[in-house]
Each structure stands twice: as structure tokens, then as C-alpha cells.
Amino acid sequence: MNLPNCPKCNSEYTYEDGTMLVCPECGHEWMVNQETENDEDSSIIKDANGNVLSDGDTITVIKDLKVKGSSSVLKQGTKVKNIRLVEGDHDIDCKIDGFGPMKLKSEFVKKI
């Protein structure tokens, strides 16, 4: 049987486990009939609850975040308006009242 390579690590040693395909090298699992959507998935940015984010959205910080290079903390519940999505590890670019310009990770915010 000719199984596809792993979409995460490109390993050729994938195997079937019921309706799932499994990569023994990185542990990634995906559906047999699921198309590999690496290019499309990488451009979609989701919040901590799985909601798709877009430019101009309003979000809320879901946990206290230390601000690198400062002794201050960005408190849980802080509302951030008019976000801009960017490429990289910190995928949200925004301006927060009282803090100024800042980059946030989408995993620490939720969409309002």
C-alpha cells in the first residue's frame, strides 16, 4: 500500500491505525482522507478557543503575561482592539493602551 508522507516531518514511515494515519517519528496523527493543507493551514490563525482571527478583530488576553524587557505585566482580561495578523512566532501585532505597540501569541488570546 502506498501511504502519504507525514505532513509535519515528511517521514515516509507512516502507518494506518484504524481510520487514522500515524507518524512513528514525530507522533503526528491525521485522518486517512484528510488532504494535506500545509499552505492553507499556516495562513489561518486561531485564538485559544479555536476561533479564526482576522485583521481588525477585538481580542482579550486570557492569562497574565510578563512583558519582556519590562517589570510590568499585561493582565488577564485586557481588551485589545484593531489587531493585525503577521507571520512569525508572535502572530498578532497590536497597540495596547498603557503599554504601546506589542506582539502577542494567538494561543494567549480569545476573540470577543
Protein backbone atom coordinates (compact mmCIF):
# COMPACT_ATOMS: atom_id res chain seq x y z
CA MET A 1 0.00 0.00 0.00
CA ASN A 2 1.29 3.49 -0.83
CA LEU A 3 0.71 5.81 2.17
CA PRO A 4 1.48 9.54 2.06
CA ASN A 5 4.45 11.01 3.92
CA CYS A 6 3.85 12.73 7.25
CA PRO A 7 2.69 16.36 6.68
CA LYS A 8 4.64 17.56 9.75
CA CYS A 9 8.08 15.94 9.39
CA ASN A 10 7.84 14.40 5.90
CA SER A 11 8.69 10.92 7.24
CA GLU A 12 8.00 8.05 4.85
CA TYR A 13 7.35 5.55 7.67
CA THR A 14 3.66 6.34 8.23
CA TYR A 15 1.19 3.59 9.09
CA GLU A 16 -2.58 3.16 9.38
CA ASP A 17 -4.30 2.86 12.76
CA GLY A 18 -8.00 2.39 12.10
CA THR A 19 -9.15 5.49 10.22
CA MET A 20 -6.06 7.49 11.19
CA LEU A 21 -2.57 7.70 9.72
CA VAL A 22 0.25 7.88 12.29
CA CYS A 23 3.87 9.01 12.02
CA PRO A 24 6.15 6.97 14.34
CA GLU A 25 8.92 9.58 14.19
CA CYS A 26 7.08 12.72 15.33
CA GLY A 27 3.83 11.19 16.65
CA HIS A 28 1.57 13.26 14.36
CA GLU A 29 -1.86 11.73 13.61
CA TRP A 30 -4.27 12.71 10.84
CA MET A 31 -7.33 11.33 9.07
CA VAL A 32 -6.79 8.97 6.11
CA ASN A 33 -8.97 11.04 3.77
CA GLN A 34 -7.72 14.39 5.09
CA GLU A 35 -5.86 16.38 2.45
CA THR A 36 -2.59 17.97 3.47
CA GLU A 37 -3.35 21.67 3.70
CA ASN A 38 0.00 22.96 4.92
CA ASP A 39 -0.11 26.18 2.90
CA GLU A 40 -3.72 26.98 3.79
CA ASP A 41 -3.45 25.99 7.47
CA SER A 42 -0.33 28.05 8.05
CA SER A 43 -2.12 31.24 6.96
CA ILE A 44 -5.11 30.65 9.27
CA ILE A 45 -4.53 31.99 12.78
CA LYS A 46 -6.84 30.83 15.57
CA ASP A 47 -7.29 32.00 19.16
CA ALA A 48 -7.11 29.80 22.27
CA ASN A 49 -10.72 28.62 21.72
CA GLY A 50 -10.21 27.76 18.04
CA ASN A 51 -11.95 30.83 16.60
CA VAL A 52 -10.40 32.14 13.38
CA LEU A 53 -8.82 35.59 13.83
CA SER A 54 -8.66 38.30 11.18
CA ASP A 55 -7.27 41.82 10.87
CA GLY A 56 -9.28 44.40 12.80
CA ASP A 57 -10.71 41.95 15.38
CA THR A 58 -11.01 42.76 19.08
CA ILE A 59 -9.46 40.23 21.46
CA THR A 60 -8.99 39.68 25.19
CA VAL A 61 -5.86 38.37 26.93
CA ILE A 62 -6.70 35.09 28.74
CA LYS A 63 -3.80 34.98 31.23
CA ASP A 64 -1.30 37.35 32.84
CA LEU A 65 1.65 37.85 30.50
CA LYS A 66 5.07 39.13 31.50
CA VAL A 67 6.27 41.91 29.22
CA LYS A 68 9.79 41.14 28.06
CA GLY A 69 12.25 43.89 28.92
CA SER A 70 9.92 45.43 31.49
CA SER A 71 8.84 44.77 35.05
CA SER A 72 5.17 45.25 34.16
CA VAL A 73 2.59 42.54 33.48
CA LEU A 74 -0.20 42.50 30.90
CA LYS A 75 -3.21 41.49 33.00
CA GLN A 76 -5.77 38.83 32.17
CA GLY A 77 -8.89 40.39 30.65
CA THR A 78 -7.04 43.23 28.92
CA LYS A 79 -9.01 44.17 25.80
CA VAL A 80 -7.06 44.78 22.60
CA LYS A 81 -8.79 46.45 19.65
CA ASN A 82 -7.93 46.51 15.96
CA ILE A 83 -5.33 43.73 15.80
CA ARG A 84 -3.16 42.99 12.77
CA LEU A 85 -2.06 39.45 11.91
CA VAL A 86 1.58 38.90 10.95
CA GLU A 87 3.87 35.95 10.18
CA GLY A 88 6.11 34.55 12.89
CA ASP A 89 6.01 33.12 16.39
CA HIS A 90 4.18 36.14 17.80
CA ASP A 91 1.46 36.33 15.17
CA ILE A 92 -0.60 39.29 16.45
CA ASP A 93 0.65 42.85 16.13
CA CYS A 94 -1.30 45.42 18.16
CA LYS A 95 -1.24 48.60 20.19
CA ILE A 96 -2.32 48.30 23.82
CA ASP A 97 -3.40 51.36 25.83
CA GLY A 98 -0.86 51.96 28.59
CA PHE A 99 1.75 49.64 27.04
CA GLY A 100 2.18 50.78 23.44
CA PRO A 101 2.97 48.59 20.43
CA MET A 102 3.25 44.90 21.21
CA LYS A 103 3.27 41.46 19.60
CA LEU A 104 1.22 38.63 21.11
CA LYS A 105 0.87 34.90 20.53
CA SER A 106 -2.60 33.83 19.41
CA GLU A 107 -2.64 30.99 21.96
CA PHE A 108 -2.96 33.53 24.81
CA VAL A 109 -5.94 35.48 23.49
CA LYS A 110 -9.61 34.93 22.76
CA LYS A 111 -11.81 36.68 20.23
CA ILE A 112 -14.63 38.86 21.52
